[in-house]
């Protein structure tokens, strides 16, 4: 009786421990920068519901399929640790071009179920190949010279094309894009550089010509302003002289009328006035 009881108690303890283990293993956690889908290892199925950071009870045999919520990067370059070599293509005018490119993408959280169903958690390689195909195609739409003079335009076109394709097939958005380097045949690059130097020389000469033109126009304008000032001064002086003479004439007329003088009498009066006011030490009077 006691032996049977002991066996029963032992089985109960084992059962409780097993249940506790199952319960404990039914909890799964996600880090702050992770988002997850509930995957059942028993039924081999995935739940559409999304789980964010924290500890969650999923059930026995369940685990998380995890995706990062942070920005991810693809890099195509000669550098160590890059995802793939530089992108090789041809320009619209047939020249071989080698491009070092990197871009940053972010998974669309509401589309993660579709992403997993499409690639089974192995989307990294196929999405990278999709990006290379798109970048190669966009490069063929531009002439070699445009890679020198319209780099920003090409960068924008590449980002737009990759973003559109990634949203459709990789369920991600491309938020940042860098066209790091452009390598064309050496002879062509030398010719382009020489052309650019000549273009800069022409631009410099045109700028110098424009500067001289501005200086000449400024000099002419200053001369015109100075001429106008002198004319205004002359006109002002003339008007002032005329005004003074007019006032003096008016004063003499008043004196003439008040004293009843004739014109000869007025002249005699003015002579007498001048002699009276002139300094004696400077006066010389001739006697006839």
Protein backbone atom coordinates (compact mmCIF):
# COMPACT_ATOMS: atom_id res chain seq x y z
CA UNK A 1 0.00 0.00 0.00
CA UNK A 2 2.74 2.38 0.93
CA UNK A 3 4.75 1.35 -2.12
CA UNK A 4 1.82 2.06 -4.41
CA UNK A 5 1.27 5.39 -2.75
CA UNK A 6 4.90 6.30 -3.20
CA UNK A 7 4.76 5.41 -6.88
CA UNK A 8 1.61 7.47 -7.30
CA UNK A 9 3.11 10.46 -5.59
CA UNK A 10 6.27 10.12 -7.69
CA UNK A 11 4.24 9.97 -10.88
CA UNK A 12 2.27 13.02 -9.79
CA UNK A 13 5.45 14.97 -9.14
CA UNK A 14 6.87 13.94 -12.49
CA UNK A 15 3.63 14.95 -14.15
CA UNK A 16 3.60 18.32 -12.41
CA UNK A 17 7.23 18.94 -13.40
CA UNK A 18 6.46 17.96 -16.98
CA UNK A 19 3.50 20.32 -17.05
CA UNK A 20 5.60 23.11 -15.58
CA UNK A 21 8.28 22.50 -18.20
CA UNK A 22 5.70 22.57 -20.95
CA UNK A 23 4.21 25.76 -19.57
CA UNK A 24 7.63 27.33 -19.20
CA UNK A 25 8.63 26.40 -22.74
CA UNK A 26 5.38 27.83 -24.04
CA UNK A 27 6.63 31.34 -23.29
CA UNK A 28 8.70 33.14 -25.91
CA UNK A 29 10.25 36.62 -25.90
CA UNK A 30 11.01 39.36 -28.39
CA UNK A 31 13.63 42.07 -28.03
CA UNK A 32 12.85 45.79 -28.28
CA UNK A 33 13.92 45.93 -31.92
CA UNK A 34 12.08 42.77 -32.99
CA UNK A 35 8.62 41.84 -34.20
CA UNK A 36 7.41 38.28 -34.60
CA UNK A 37 4.93 35.81 -36.09
CA UNK A 38 3.65 32.85 -34.08
CA UNK A 39 4.88 29.62 -35.68
CA UNK A 40 3.59 26.19 -34.64
CA UNK A 41 6.16 23.46 -34.97
CA UNK A 42 3.43 20.86 -34.50
CA UNK A 43 1.06 21.96 -37.27
CA UNK A 44 3.77 23.72 -39.34
CA UNK A 45 1.57 26.79 -39.62
CA UNK A 46 1.99 30.52 -39.03
CA UNK A 47 -0.45 32.86 -37.36
CA UNK A 48 -1.14 36.22 -39.03
CA UNK A 49 -1.13 38.07 -35.71
CA UNK A 50 1.95 40.19 -34.99
CA UNK A 51 3.76 40.25 -31.67
CA UNK A 52 5.90 43.11 -30.46
CA UNK A 53 8.70 43.20 -27.86
CA UNK A 54 8.13 41.40 -24.55
CA UNK A 55 7.34 37.93 -23.18
CA UNK A 56 4.36 36.11 -24.71
CA UNK A 57 2.59 32.82 -24.07
CA UNK A 58 2.40 31.01 -27.42
CA UNK A 59 1.68 27.42 -26.47
CA UNK A 60 3.49 24.14 -26.57
CA UNK A 61 5.60 23.64 -29.65
CA UNK A 62 5.29 27.28 -30.72
CA UNK A 63 8.06 29.77 -31.42
CA UNK A 64 8.59 33.15 -33.00
CA UNK A 65 9.62 33.88 -36.55
CA UNK A 66 11.49 37.10 -35.87
CA UNK A 67 12.01 40.16 -38.03
CA UNK A 68 13.93 43.35 -37.18
CA UNK A 69 12.09 46.64 -36.77
CA UNK A 70 15.31 48.57 -37.45
CA UNK A 71 16.70 49.68 -40.80
CA UNK A 72 18.53 46.97 -42.74
CA UNK A 73 21.23 47.46 -45.38
CA UNK A 74 22.27 45.94 -48.67
CA UNK A 75 25.73 46.88 -49.89
CA UNK A 76 27.20 46.11 -53.30
CA UNK A 77 30.88 47.04 -53.35
CA UNK A 78 34.45 45.77 -53.34
CA UNK A 79 34.64 46.34 -49.60
CA UNK A 80 35.04 43.60 -47.05
CA UNK A 81 31.75 42.44 -45.58
CA UNK A 82 29.60 43.67 -48.47
CA UNK A 83 26.56 41.62 -49.45
CA UNK A 84 27.67 41.31 -53.07
CA UNK A 85 30.29 42.74 -55.48
CA UNK A 86 29.79 46.05 -57.26
CA UNK A 87 26.89 46.21 -59.70
CA UNK A 88 28.09 45.80 -63.29
CA UNK A 89 26.05 47.12 -66.19
CA UNK A 90 26.31 49.06 -69.44
CA UNK A 91 25.37 52.64 -70.15
CA UNK A 92 22.82 53.66 -72.76
CA UNK A 93 25.66 54.35 -75.18
CA UNK A 94 27.22 50.91 -74.63
CA UNK A 95 30.07 51.55 -72.18
CA UNK A 96 30.70 49.20 -69.29
CA UNK A 97 30.04 50.77 -65.90
CA UNK A 98 30.73 49.46 -62.40
CA UNK A 99 28.74 50.93 -59.52
CA UNK A 100 29.26 50.74 -55.77
CA UNK A 101 25.85 51.08 -54.15
CA UNK A 102 24.27 50.71 -50.75
CA UNK A 103 20.73 51.29 -49.60
CA UNK A 104 18.71 50.94 -46.42
CA UNK A 105 15.30 49.32 -46.24
CA UNK A 106 12.65 48.75 -43.59
CA UNK A 107 10.23 45.83 -43.45
CA UNK A 108 6.54 46.66 -43.72
CA UNK A 109 5.27 45.18 -40.45
CA UNK A 110 1.71 44.63 -41.63
CA UNK A 111 3.02 42.57 -44.57
CA UNK A 112 5.32 40.23 -42.63
CA UNK A 113 2.93 37.29 -42.90
CA UNK A 114 2.93 37.63 -46.70
CA UNK A 115 6.71 38.02 -46.67
CA UNK A 116 7.12 34.76 -44.76
CA UNK A 117 4.65 32.91 -46.95
CA UNK A 118 6.54 34.13 -50.02
CA UNK A 119 10.07 33.21 -48.94
CA UNK A 120 9.75 31.09 -45.81
CA UNK A 121 12.06 33.36 -43.85
CA UNK A 122 14.78 33.24 -46.53
CA UNK A 123 14.07 36.52 -48.31
CA UNK A 124 17.58 38.01 -47.99
CA UNK A 125 19.11 36.37 -51.08
CA UNK A 126 16.18 36.65 -53.52
CA UNK A 127 15.54 40.28 -52.59
CA UNK A 128 19.22 41.05 -53.11
CA UNK A 129 19.07 39.51 -56.60
CA UNK A 130 15.94 41.53 -57.34
CA UNK A 131 17.77 44.71 -56.33
CA UNK A 132 20.75 43.90 -58.56
CA UNK A 133 18.47 43.28 -61.56
CA UNK A 134 16.66 46.58 -61.02
CA UNK A 135 19.88 48.59 -60.57
CA UNK A 136 21.43 47.00 -63.66
CA UNK A 137 18.36 47.88 -65.71
CA UNK A 138 18.20 51.51 -64.52
CA UNK A 139 21.89 52.02 -65.35
CA UNK A 140 21.21 51.12 -69.01
CA UNK A 141 18.78 54.04 -69.29
CA UNK A 142 21.50 56.72 -68.94
CA UNK A 143 24.47 57.75 -71.06
CA UNK A 144 27.99 57.61 -69.66
CA UNK A 145 28.24 61.40 -69.49
CA UNK A 146 25.14 61.53 -67.29
CA UNK A 147 26.90 59.47 -64.64
CA UNK A 148 29.27 62.44 -64.27
CA UNK A 149 26.88 65.35 -64.61
CA UNK A 150 23.51 63.92 -63.47
CA UNK A 151 24.55 61.65 -60.61
CA UNK A 152 21.79 62.92 -58.30
CA UNK A 153 19.17 62.29 -60.98
CA UNK A 154 20.37 58.71 -61.48
CA UNK A 155 20.52 58.13 -57.71
CA UNK A 156 16.92 59.28 -57.35
CA UNK A 157 15.78 57.10 -60.27
CA UNK A 158 17.49 54.03 -58.82
CA UNK A 159 16.01 54.54 -55.36
CA UNK A 160 12.53 55.05 -56.83
CA UNK A 161 12.77 51.88 -58.93
CA UNK A 162 14.13 49.70 -56.11
CA UNK A 163 11.59 51.08 -53.64
CA UNK A 164 8.70 50.29 -55.99
CA UNK A 165 9.91 46.72 -56.59
CA UNK A 166 10.74 46.06 -52.94
CA UNK A 167 7.29 47.20 -51.83
CA UNK A 168 5.74 44.70 -54.25
CA UNK A 169 8.01 41.68 -53.90
CA UNK A 170 10.02 42.11 -50.68
CA UNK A 171 7.40 43.91 -48.57
CA UNK A 172 9.83 46.63 -47.55
CA UNK A 173 10.42 50.33 -48.19
CA UNK A 174 13.76 51.75 -49.33
CA UNK A 175 14.26 54.88 -47.25
CA UNK A 176 17.90 55.77 -48.02
CA UNK A 177 20.03 55.18 -51.10
CA UNK A 178 23.70 55.89 -51.85
CA UNK A 179 25.44 55.74 -55.22
CA UNK A 180 28.94 55.65 -53.75
CA UNK A 181 31.21 55.35 -56.76
CA UNK A 182 31.06 55.13 -60.54
CA UNK A 183 33.76 53.38 -62.54
CA UNK A 184 33.82 53.82 -66.32
CA UNK A 185 36.60 52.87 -68.80
CA UNK A 186 39.80 54.83 -68.05
CA UNK A 187 40.06 56.45 -71.50
CA UNK A 188 36.51 57.74 -71.24
CA UNK A 189 37.04 59.09 -67.73
CA UNK A 190 40.19 60.94 -68.85
CA UNK A 191 38.31 62.46 -71.79
CA UNK A 192 35.43 63.49 -69.53
CA UNK A 193 37.83 65.05 -67.02
CA UNK A 194 39.56 67.04 -69.77
CA UNK A 195 36.19 68.17 -71.07
CA UNK A 196 35.19 69.19 -67.56
CA UNK A 197 38.39 71.21 -67.15
CA UNK A 198 37.68 73.04 -70.41
CA UNK A 199 34.10 73.61 -69.35
CA UNK A 200 35.28 75.11 -66.07
CA UNK A 201 37.75 77.36 -67.94
CA UNK A 202 34.95 78.57 -70.17
CA UNK A 203 32.76 79.15 -67.15
CA UNK A 204 35.58 81.07 -65.46
CA UNK A 205 36.10 83.25 -68.55
CA UNK A 206 32.37 83.95 -68.79
CA UNK A 207 32.30 84.87 -65.10
CA UNK A 208 35.25 87.24 -65.58
CA UNK A 209 33.55 88.81 -68.60
CA UNK A 210 30.37 89.30 -66.60
CA UNK A 211 32.40 90.85 -63.78
CA UNK A 212 34.07 93.32 -66.14
CA UNK A 213 30.70 94.16 -67.69
CA UNK A 214 29.26 94.91 -64.26
CA UNK A 215 32.28 97.06 -63.35
CA UNK A 216 31.97 99.01 -66.63
CA UNK A 217 28.23 99.54 -66.13
CA UNK A 218 28.92 100.65 -62.56
CA UNK A 219 31.51 103.19 -63.76
CA UNK A 220 29.11 104.56 -66.37
CA UNK A 221 26.35 104.80 -63.80
CA UNK A 222 28.61 106.63 -61.35
CA UNK A 223 29.59 109.11 -64.10
CA UNK A 224 25.95 109.68 -64.95
CA UNK A 225 25.12 110.27 -61.30
CA UNK A 226 28.04 112.73 -60.93
CA UNK A 227 26.94 114.56 -64.11
CA UNK A 228 23.38 114.84 -62.83
CA UNK A 229 24.66 116.21 -59.51
CA UNK A 230 26.72 118.91 -61.28
CA UNK A 231 23.77 119.85 -63.48
CA UNK A 232 21.54 120.11 -60.45
CA UNK A 233 24.13 122.25 -58.67
CA UNK A 234 24.46 124.56 -61.68
CA UNK A 235 20.73 124.88 -61.99
CA UNK A 236 20.43 125.58 -58.27
CA UNK A 237 23.20 128.20 -58.41
CA UNK A 238 21.65 129.85 -61.45
CA UNK A 239 18.28 130.02 -59.78
CA UNK A 240 19.87 131.45 -56.64
CA UNK A 241 21.77 134.15 -58.60
CA UNK A 242 18.63 135.08 -60.52
CA UNK A 243 16.66 135.29 -57.29
CA UNK A 244 19.24 137.60 -55.68
CA UNK A 245 19.40 139.87 -58.73
CA UNK A 246 15.64 140.02 -58.87
CA UNK A 247 15.42 140.98 -55.19
CA UNK A 248 18.07 143.69 -55.62
CA UNK A 249 16.26 145.11 -58.63
CA UNK A 250 13.01 145.12 -56.68
CA UNK A 251 14.74 146.98 -53.78
CA UNK A 252 16.19 149.61 -56.13
CA UNK A 253 12.82 150.13 -57.75
CA UNK A 254 11.28 150.68 -54.30
CA UNK A 255 13.97 153.29 -53.48
CA UNK A 256 13.55 154.99 -56.86
CA UNK A 257 9.79 155.21 -56.49
CA UNK A 258 9.98 156.36 -52.83
CA UNK A 259 12.47 159.18 -53.59
CA UNK A 260 10.99 160.07 -56.99
CA UNK A 261 14.37 159.59 -58.72
CA UNK A 262 14.97 159.37 -62.42
CA UNK A 263 17.29 156.70 -63.82
CA UNK A 264 20.34 159.06 -63.91
CA UNK A 265 19.55 160.19 -60.36
CA UNK A 266 19.38 156.55 -59.23
CA UNK A 267 22.81 155.88 -60.75
CA UNK A 268 24.25 158.92 -58.95
CA UNK A 269 22.72 157.63 -55.72
CA UNK A 270 24.35 154.21 -56.20
CA UNK A 271 27.76 155.80 -56.91
CA UNK A 272 27.54 157.89 -53.77
CA UNK A 273 26.52 154.81 -51.75
CA UNK A 274 29.49 152.77 -53.08
CA UNK A 275 31.95 155.59 -52.30
CA UNK A 276 30.56 155.98 -48.82
CA UNK A 277 30.84 152.25 -48.00
CA UNK A 278 34.22 151.62 -49.65
CA UNK A 279 37.26 151.57 -47.20
CA UNK A 280 39.11 154.87 -47.20
CA UNK A 281 42.60 153.30 -47.06
CA UNK A 282 41.93 151.52 -50.33
CA UNK A 283 40.29 154.40 -52.15
CA UNK A 284 42.08 156.37 -54.91
CA UNK A 285 40.26 159.31 -56.40
CA UNK A 286 41.47 160.74 -59.69
CA UNK A 287 41.27 164.47 -60.23
CA UNK A 288 40.59 165.73 -63.73
